[in-house]
Amino acid sequence: MSVGWVGLALALAGGMGLGGLYFAGLWWTVRRLPETGHPALVTLASLATRLGGLLAGLWLLT
């Protein structure tokens, strides 16, 4: 089954958007770490949130 150029372009745009959101969340987390009292907890919570959002977005794209 052929996807076509439009489908590939939409998949690329969706993947780039998800990647941008993932790394924006990572950037936000790293910038906030010096201000927190529990950096390990914040890092793990951020990781779980970013991975959950990424997996949900990939599921929707597929």
PDB file of N, CA and C in Angstrom:
ATOM      1  N   MET A   1       0.842  -1.180   0.000  1.00  0.00           N
ATOM      2  CA  MET A   1       0.000   0.000   0.000  1.00  0.00           C
ATOM      3  C   MET A   1       0.888   1.244   0.000  1.00  0.00           C
ATOM      4  N   SER A   2       0.605   2.170  -0.869  1.00  0.00           N
ATOM      5  CA  SER A   2       1.386   3.384  -1.009  1.00  0.00           C
ATOM      6  C   SER A   2       0.827   4.487  -0.117  1.00  0.00           C
ATOM      7  N   VAL A   3       1.714   5.158   0.596  1.00  0.00           N
ATOM      8  CA  VAL A   3       1.300   6.246   1.483  1.00  0.00           C
ATOM      9  C   VAL A   3       1.168   7.547   0.715  1.00  0.00           C
ATOM     10  N   GLY A   4       2.068   7.813  -0.158  1.00  0.00           N
ATOM     11  CA  GLY A   4       2.038   9.051  -0.935  1.00  0.00           C
ATOM     12  C   GLY A   4       2.817  10.155  -0.251  1.00  0.00           C
ATOM     13  N   TRP A   5       3.075  11.183  -1.044  1.00  0.00           N
ATOM     14  CA  TRP A   5       3.874  12.309  -0.538  1.00  0.00           C
ATOM     15  C   TRP A   5       3.173  13.089   0.545  1.00  0.00           C
ATOM     16  N   VAL A   6       1.867  13.236   0.446  1.00  0.00           N
ATOM     17  CA  VAL A   6       1.128  14.003   1.452  1.00  0.00           C
ATOM     18  C   VAL A   6       1.182  13.292   2.798  1.00  0.00           C
ATOM     19  N   GLY A   7       0.995  11.988   2.784  1.00  0.00           N
ATOM     20  CA  GLY A   7       1.062  11.221   4.029  1.00  0.00           C
ATOM     21  C   GLY A   7       2.438  11.268   4.659  1.00  0.00           C
ATOM     22  N   LEU A   8       3.471  11.179   3.828  1.00  0.00           N
ATOM     23  CA  LEU A   8       4.837  11.267   4.342  1.00  0.00           C
ATOM     24  C   LEU A   8       5.121  12.654   4.917  1.00  0.00           C
ATOM     25  N   ALA A   9       4.640  13.685   4.247  1.00  0.00           N
ATOM     26  CA  ALA A   9       4.853  15.044   4.744  1.00  0.00           C
ATOM     27  C   ALA A   9       4.133  15.257   6.079  1.00  0.00           C
ATOM     28  N   LEU A  10       2.924  14.720   6.207  1.00  0.00           N
ATOM     29  CA  LEU A  10       2.195  14.848   7.471  1.00  0.00           C
ATOM     30  C   LEU A  10       2.878  14.063   8.583  1.00  0.00           C
ATOM     31  N   ALA A  11       3.377  12.874   8.265  1.00  0.00           N
ATOM     32  CA  ALA A  11       4.091  12.085   9.264  1.00  0.00           C
ATOM     33  C   ALA A  11       5.372  12.790   9.711  1.00  0.00           C
ATOM     34  N   LEU A  12       6.087  13.384   8.754  1.00  0.00           N
ATOM     35  CA  LEU A  12       7.300  14.127   9.087  1.00  0.00           C
ATOM     36  C   LEU A  12       6.978  15.324   9.974  1.00  0.00           C
ATOM     37  N   ALA A  13       5.950  16.066   9.619  1.00  0.00           N
ATOM     38  CA  ALA A  13       5.563  17.232  10.416  1.00  0.00           C
ATOM     39  C   ALA A  13       5.123  16.809  11.815  1.00  0.00           C
ATOM     40  N   GLY A  14       4.357  15.728  11.902  1.00  0.00           N
ATOM     41  CA  GLY A  14       3.927  15.242  13.211  1.00  0.00           C
ATOM     42  C   GLY A  14       5.095  14.784  14.061  1.00  0.00           C
ATOM     43  N   GLY A  15       6.039  14.065  13.448  1.00  0.00           N
ATOM     44  CA  GLY A  15       7.214  13.617  14.184  1.00  0.00           C
ATOM     45  C   GLY A  15       8.087  14.763  14.646  1.00  0.00           C
ATOM     46  N   MET A  16       8.240  15.757  13.791  1.00  0.00           N
ATOM     47  CA  MET A  16       9.028  16.925  14.182  1.00  0.00           C
ATOM     48  C   MET A  16       8.342  17.707  15.297  1.00  0.00           C
ATOM     49  N   GLY A  17       7.013  17.794  15.224  1.00  0.00           N
ATOM     50  CA  GLY A  17       6.271  18.466  16.293  1.00  0.00           C
ATOM     51  C   GLY A  17       6.404  17.741  17.620  1.00  0.00           C
ATOM     52  N   LEU A  18       6.270  16.416  17.585  1.00  0.00           N
ATOM     53  CA  LEU A  18       6.423  15.637  18.819  1.00  0.00           C
ATOM     54  C   LEU A  18       7.837  15.756  19.376  1.00  0.00           C
ATOM     55  N   GLY A  19       8.829  15.707  18.498  1.00  0.00           N
ATOM     56  CA  GLY A  19      10.214  15.869  18.949  1.00  0.00           C
ATOM     57  C   GLY A  19      10.454  17.243  19.546  1.00  0.00           C
ATOM     58  N   GLY A  20       9.872  18.261  18.922  1.00  0.00           N
ATOM     59  CA  GLY A  20      10.006  19.617  19.454  1.00  0.00           C
ATOM     60  C   GLY A  20       9.382  19.758  20.831  1.00  0.00           C
ATOM     61  N   LEU A  21       8.203  19.169  21.007  1.00  0.00           N
ATOM     62  CA  LEU A  21       7.557  19.217  22.324  1.00  0.00           C
ATOM     63  C   LEU A  21       8.359  18.449  23.375  1.00  0.00           C
ATOM     64  N   TYR A  22       8.892  17.297  22.979  1.00  0.00           N
ATOM     65  CA  TYR A  22       9.686  16.485  23.908  1.00  0.00           C
ATOM     66  C   TYR A  22      10.912  17.272  24.393  1.00  0.00           C
ATOM     67  N   PHE A  23      11.652  17.860  23.448  1.00  0.00           N
ATOM     68  CA  PHE A  23      12.862  18.576  23.835  1.00  0.00           C
ATOM     69  C   PHE A  23      12.570  19.922  24.478  1.00  0.00           C
ATOM     70  N   ALA A  24      11.435  20.534  24.169  1.00  0.00           N
ATOM     71  CA  ALA A  24      11.046  21.756  24.886  1.00  0.00           C
ATOM     72  C   ALA A  24      10.754  21.434  26.340  1.00  0.00           C
ATOM     73  N   GLY A  25      10.104  20.298  26.593  1.00  0.00           N
ATOM     74  CA  GLY A  25       9.859  19.872  27.975  1.00  0.00           C
ATOM     75  C   GLY A  25      11.152  19.567  28.705  1.00  0.00           C
ATOM     76  N   LEU A  26      12.104  18.956  28.015  1.00  0.00           N
ATOM     77  CA  LEU A  26      13.407  18.673  28.624  1.00  0.00           C
ATOM     78  C   LEU A  26      14.134  19.982  28.944  1.00  0.00           C
ATOM     79  N   TRP A  27      14.092  20.924  28.021  1.00  0.00           N
ATOM     80  CA  TRP A  27      14.744  22.214  28.240  1.00  0.00           C
ATOM     81  C   TRP A  27      14.121  22.938  29.435  1.00  0.00           C
ATOM     82  N   TRP A  28      12.785  22.902  29.517  1.00  0.00           N
ATOM     83  CA  TRP A  28      12.088  23.536  30.634  1.00  0.00           C
ATOM     84  C   TRP A  28      12.506  22.893  31.951  1.00  0.00           C
ATOM     85  N   THR A  29      12.611  21.569  31.963  1.00  0.00           N
ATOM     86  CA  THR A  29      12.992  20.850  33.173  1.00  0.00           C
ATOM     87  C   THR A  29      14.409  21.207  33.611  1.00  0.00           C
ATOM     88  N   VAL A  30      15.343  21.203  32.681  1.00  0.00           N
ATOM     89  CA  VAL A  30      16.734  21.482  33.016  1.00  0.00           C
ATOM     90  C   VAL A  30      16.895  22.902  33.534  1.00  0.00           C
ATOM     91  N   ARG A  31      16.138  23.821  32.981  1.00  0.00           N
ATOM     92  CA  ARG A  31      16.215  25.212  33.449  1.00  0.00           C
ATOM     93  C   ARG A  31      15.653  25.374  34.850  1.00  0.00           C
ATOM     94  N   ARG A  32      14.698  24.528  35.255  1.00  0.00           N
ATOM     95  CA  ARG A  32      14.064  24.638  36.566  1.00  0.00           C
ATOM     96  C   ARG A  32      14.784  23.845  37.659  1.00  0.00           C
ATOM     97  N   LEU A  33      15.701  22.958  37.296  1.00  0.00           N
ATOM     98  CA  LEU A  33      16.348  22.099  38.290  1.00  0.00           C
ATOM     99  C   LEU A  33      17.070  22.857  39.408  1.00  0.00           C
ATOM    100  N   PRO A  34      17.803  23.928  39.120  1.00  0.00           N
ATOM    101  CA  PRO A  34      18.486  24.618  40.224  1.00  0.00           C
ATOM    102  C   PRO A  34      17.523  25.220  41.260  1.00  0.00           C
ATOM    103  N   GLU A  35      16.274  25.458  40.887  1.00  0.00           N
ATOM    104  CA  GLU A  35      15.310  26.093  41.787  1.00  0.00           C
ATOM    105  C   GLU A  35      14.560  25.104  42.666  1.00  0.00           C
ATOM    106  N   THR A  36      14.672  23.807  42.394  1.00  0.00           N
ATOM    107  CA  THR A  36      13.867  22.825  43.109  1.00  0.00           C
ATOM    108  C   THR A  36      14.625  22.251  44.294  1.00  0.00           C
ATOM    109  N   GLY A  37      13.869  21.729  45.240  1.00  0.00           N
ATOM    110  CA  GLY A  37      14.465  21.072  46.388  1.00  0.00           C
ATOM    111  C   GLY A  37      14.729  19.602  46.155  1.00  0.00           C
ATOM    112  N   HIS A  38      14.028  19.014  45.175  1.00  0.00           N
ATOM    113  CA  HIS A  38      14.158  17.587  44.869  1.00  0.00           C
ATOM    114  C   HIS A  38      14.384  17.397  43.370  1.00  0.00           C
ATOM    115  N   PRO A  39      15.611  17.637  42.894  1.00  0.00           N
ATOM    116  CA  PRO A  39      15.851  17.571  41.453  1.00  0.00           C
ATOM    117  C   PRO A  39      15.637  16.175  40.856  1.00  0.00           C
ATOM    118  N   ALA A  40      15.932  15.128  41.607  1.00  0.00           N
ATOM    119  CA  ALA A  40      15.742  13.776  41.060  1.00  0.00           C
ATOM    120  C   ALA A  40      14.258  13.495  40.835  1.00  0.00           C
ATOM    121  N   LEU A  41      13.421  13.899  41.761  1.00  0.00           N
ATOM    122  CA  LEU A  41      11.979  13.694  41.628  1.00  0.00           C
ATOM    123  C   LEU A  41      11.418  14.491  40.447  1.00  0.00           C
ATOM    124  N   VAL A  42      11.864  15.720  40.298  1.00  0.00           N
ATOM    125  CA  VAL A  42      11.415  16.556  39.184  1.00  0.00           C
ATOM    126  C   VAL A  42      11.864  15.951  37.856  1.00  0.00           C
ATOM    127  N   THR A  43      13.092  15.454  37.812  1.00  0.00           N
ATOM    128  CA  THR A  43      13.614  14.848  36.584  1.00  0.00           C
ATOM    129  C   THR A  43      12.807  13.605  36.212  1.00  0.00           C
ATOM    130  N   LEU A  44      12.534  12.736  37.180  1.00  0.00           N
ATOM    131  CA  LEU A  44      11.769  11.526  36.897  1.00  0.00           C
ATOM    132  C   LEU A  44      10.330  11.839  36.506  1.00  0.00           C
ATOM    133  N   ALA A  45       9.709  12.806  37.171  1.00  0.00           N
ATOM    134  CA  ALA A  45       8.338  13.189  36.817  1.00  0.00           C
ATOM    135  C   ALA A  45       8.295  13.781  35.409  1.00  0.00           C
ATOM    136  N   SER A  46       9.294  14.580  35.071  1.00  0.00           N
ATOM    137  CA  SER A  46       9.361  15.157  33.729  1.00  0.00           C
ATOM    138  C   SER A  46       9.553  14.073  32.683  1.00  0.00           C
ATOM    139  N   LEU A  47      10.420  13.117  32.970  1.00  0.00           N
ATOM    140  CA  LEU A  47      10.653  12.027  32.035  1.00  0.00           C
ATOM    141  C   LEU A  47       9.374  11.237  31.793  1.00  0.00           C
ATOM    142  N   ALA A  48       8.671  10.905  32.869  1.00  0.00           N
ATOM    143  CA  ALA A  48       7.429  10.140  32.727  1.00  0.00           C
ATOM    144  C   ALA A  48       6.389  10.926  31.928  1.00  0.00           C
ATOM    145  N   THR A  49       6.289  12.215  32.185  1.00  0.00           N
ATOM    146  CA  THR A  49       5.327  13.051  31.461  1.00  0.00           C
ATOM    147  C   THR A  49       5.690  13.167  29.990  1.00  0.00           C
ATOM    148  N   ARG A  50       6.981  13.417  29.702  1.00  0.00           N
ATOM    149  CA  ARG A  50       7.408  13.560  28.313  1.00  0.00           C
ATOM    150  C   ARG A  50       7.247  12.252  27.543  1.00  0.00           C
ATOM    151  N   LEU A  51       7.620  11.137  28.165  1.00  0.00           N
ATOM    152  CA  LEU A  51       7.477   9.852  27.480  1.00  0.00           C
ATOM    153  C   LEU A  51       6.012   9.495  27.264  1.00  0.00           C
ATOM    154  N   GLY A  52       5.171   9.771  28.260  1.00  0.00           N
ATOM    155  CA  GLY A  52       3.743   9.502  28.102  1.00  0.00           C
ATOM    156  C   GLY A  52       3.142  10.312  26.966  1.00  0.00           C
ATOM    157  N   GLY A  53       3.484  11.588  26.896  1.00  0.00           N
ATOM    158  CA  GLY A  53       2.988  12.428  25.813  1.00  0.00           C
ATOM    159  C   GLY A  53       3.514  12.003  24.461  1.00  0.00           C
ATOM    160  N   LEU A  54       4.786  11.618  24.411  1.00  0.00           N
ATOM    161  CA  LEU A  54       5.372  11.163  23.154  1.00  0.00           C
ATOM    162  C   LEU A  54       4.721   9.878  22.672  1.00  0.00           C
ATOM    163  N   LEU A  55       4.541   8.925  23.571  1.00  0.00           N
ATOM    164  CA  LEU A  55       3.904   7.655  23.177  1.00  0.00           C
ATOM    165  C   LEU A  55       2.461   7.860  22.748  1.00  0.00           C
ATOM    166  N   ALA A  56       1.742   8.727  23.441  1.00  0.00           N
ATOM    167  CA  ALA A  56       0.364   9.023  23.048  1.00  0.00           C
ATOM    168  C   ALA A  56       0.324   9.682  21.666  1.00  0.00           C
ATOM    169  N   GLY A  57       1.239  10.609  21.421  1.00  0.00           N
ATOM    170  CA  GLY A  57       1.297  11.267  20.130  1.00  0.00           C
ATOM    171  C   GLY A  57       1.668  10.310  19.007  1.00  0.00           C
ATOM    172  N   LEU A  58       2.613   9.420  19.264  1.00  0.00           N
ATOM    173  CA  LEU A  58       2.971   8.430  18.248  1.00  0.00           C
ATOM    174  C   LEU A  58       1.817   7.481  17.967  1.00  0.00           C
ATOM    175  N   TRP A  59       1.106   7.110  19.008  1.00  0.00           N
ATOM    176  CA  TRP A  59      -0.063   6.245  18.822  1.00  0.00           C
ATOM    177  C   TRP A  59      -1.116   6.937  17.950  1.00  0.00           C
ATOM    178  N   LEU A  60      -1.324   8.228  18.191  1.00  0.00           N
ATOM    179  CA  LEU A  60      -2.289   8.963  17.381  1.00  0.00           C
ATOM    180  C   LEU A  60      -1.813   9.104  15.925  1.00  0.00           C
ATOM    181  N   LEU A  61      -0.504   9.304  15.735  1.00  0.00           N
ATOM    182  CA  LEU A  61       0.018   9.440  14.376  1.00  0.00           C
ATOM    183  C   LEU A  61      -0.082   8.153  13.577  1.00  0.00           C
ATOM    184  N   THR A  62       0.063   7.031  14.263  1.00  0.00           N
ATOM    185  CA  THR A  62       0.030   5.773  13.532  1.00  0.00           C
ATOM    186  C   THR A  62      -1.403   5.364  13.315  1.00  0.00           C
TER     187      THR A  62
END
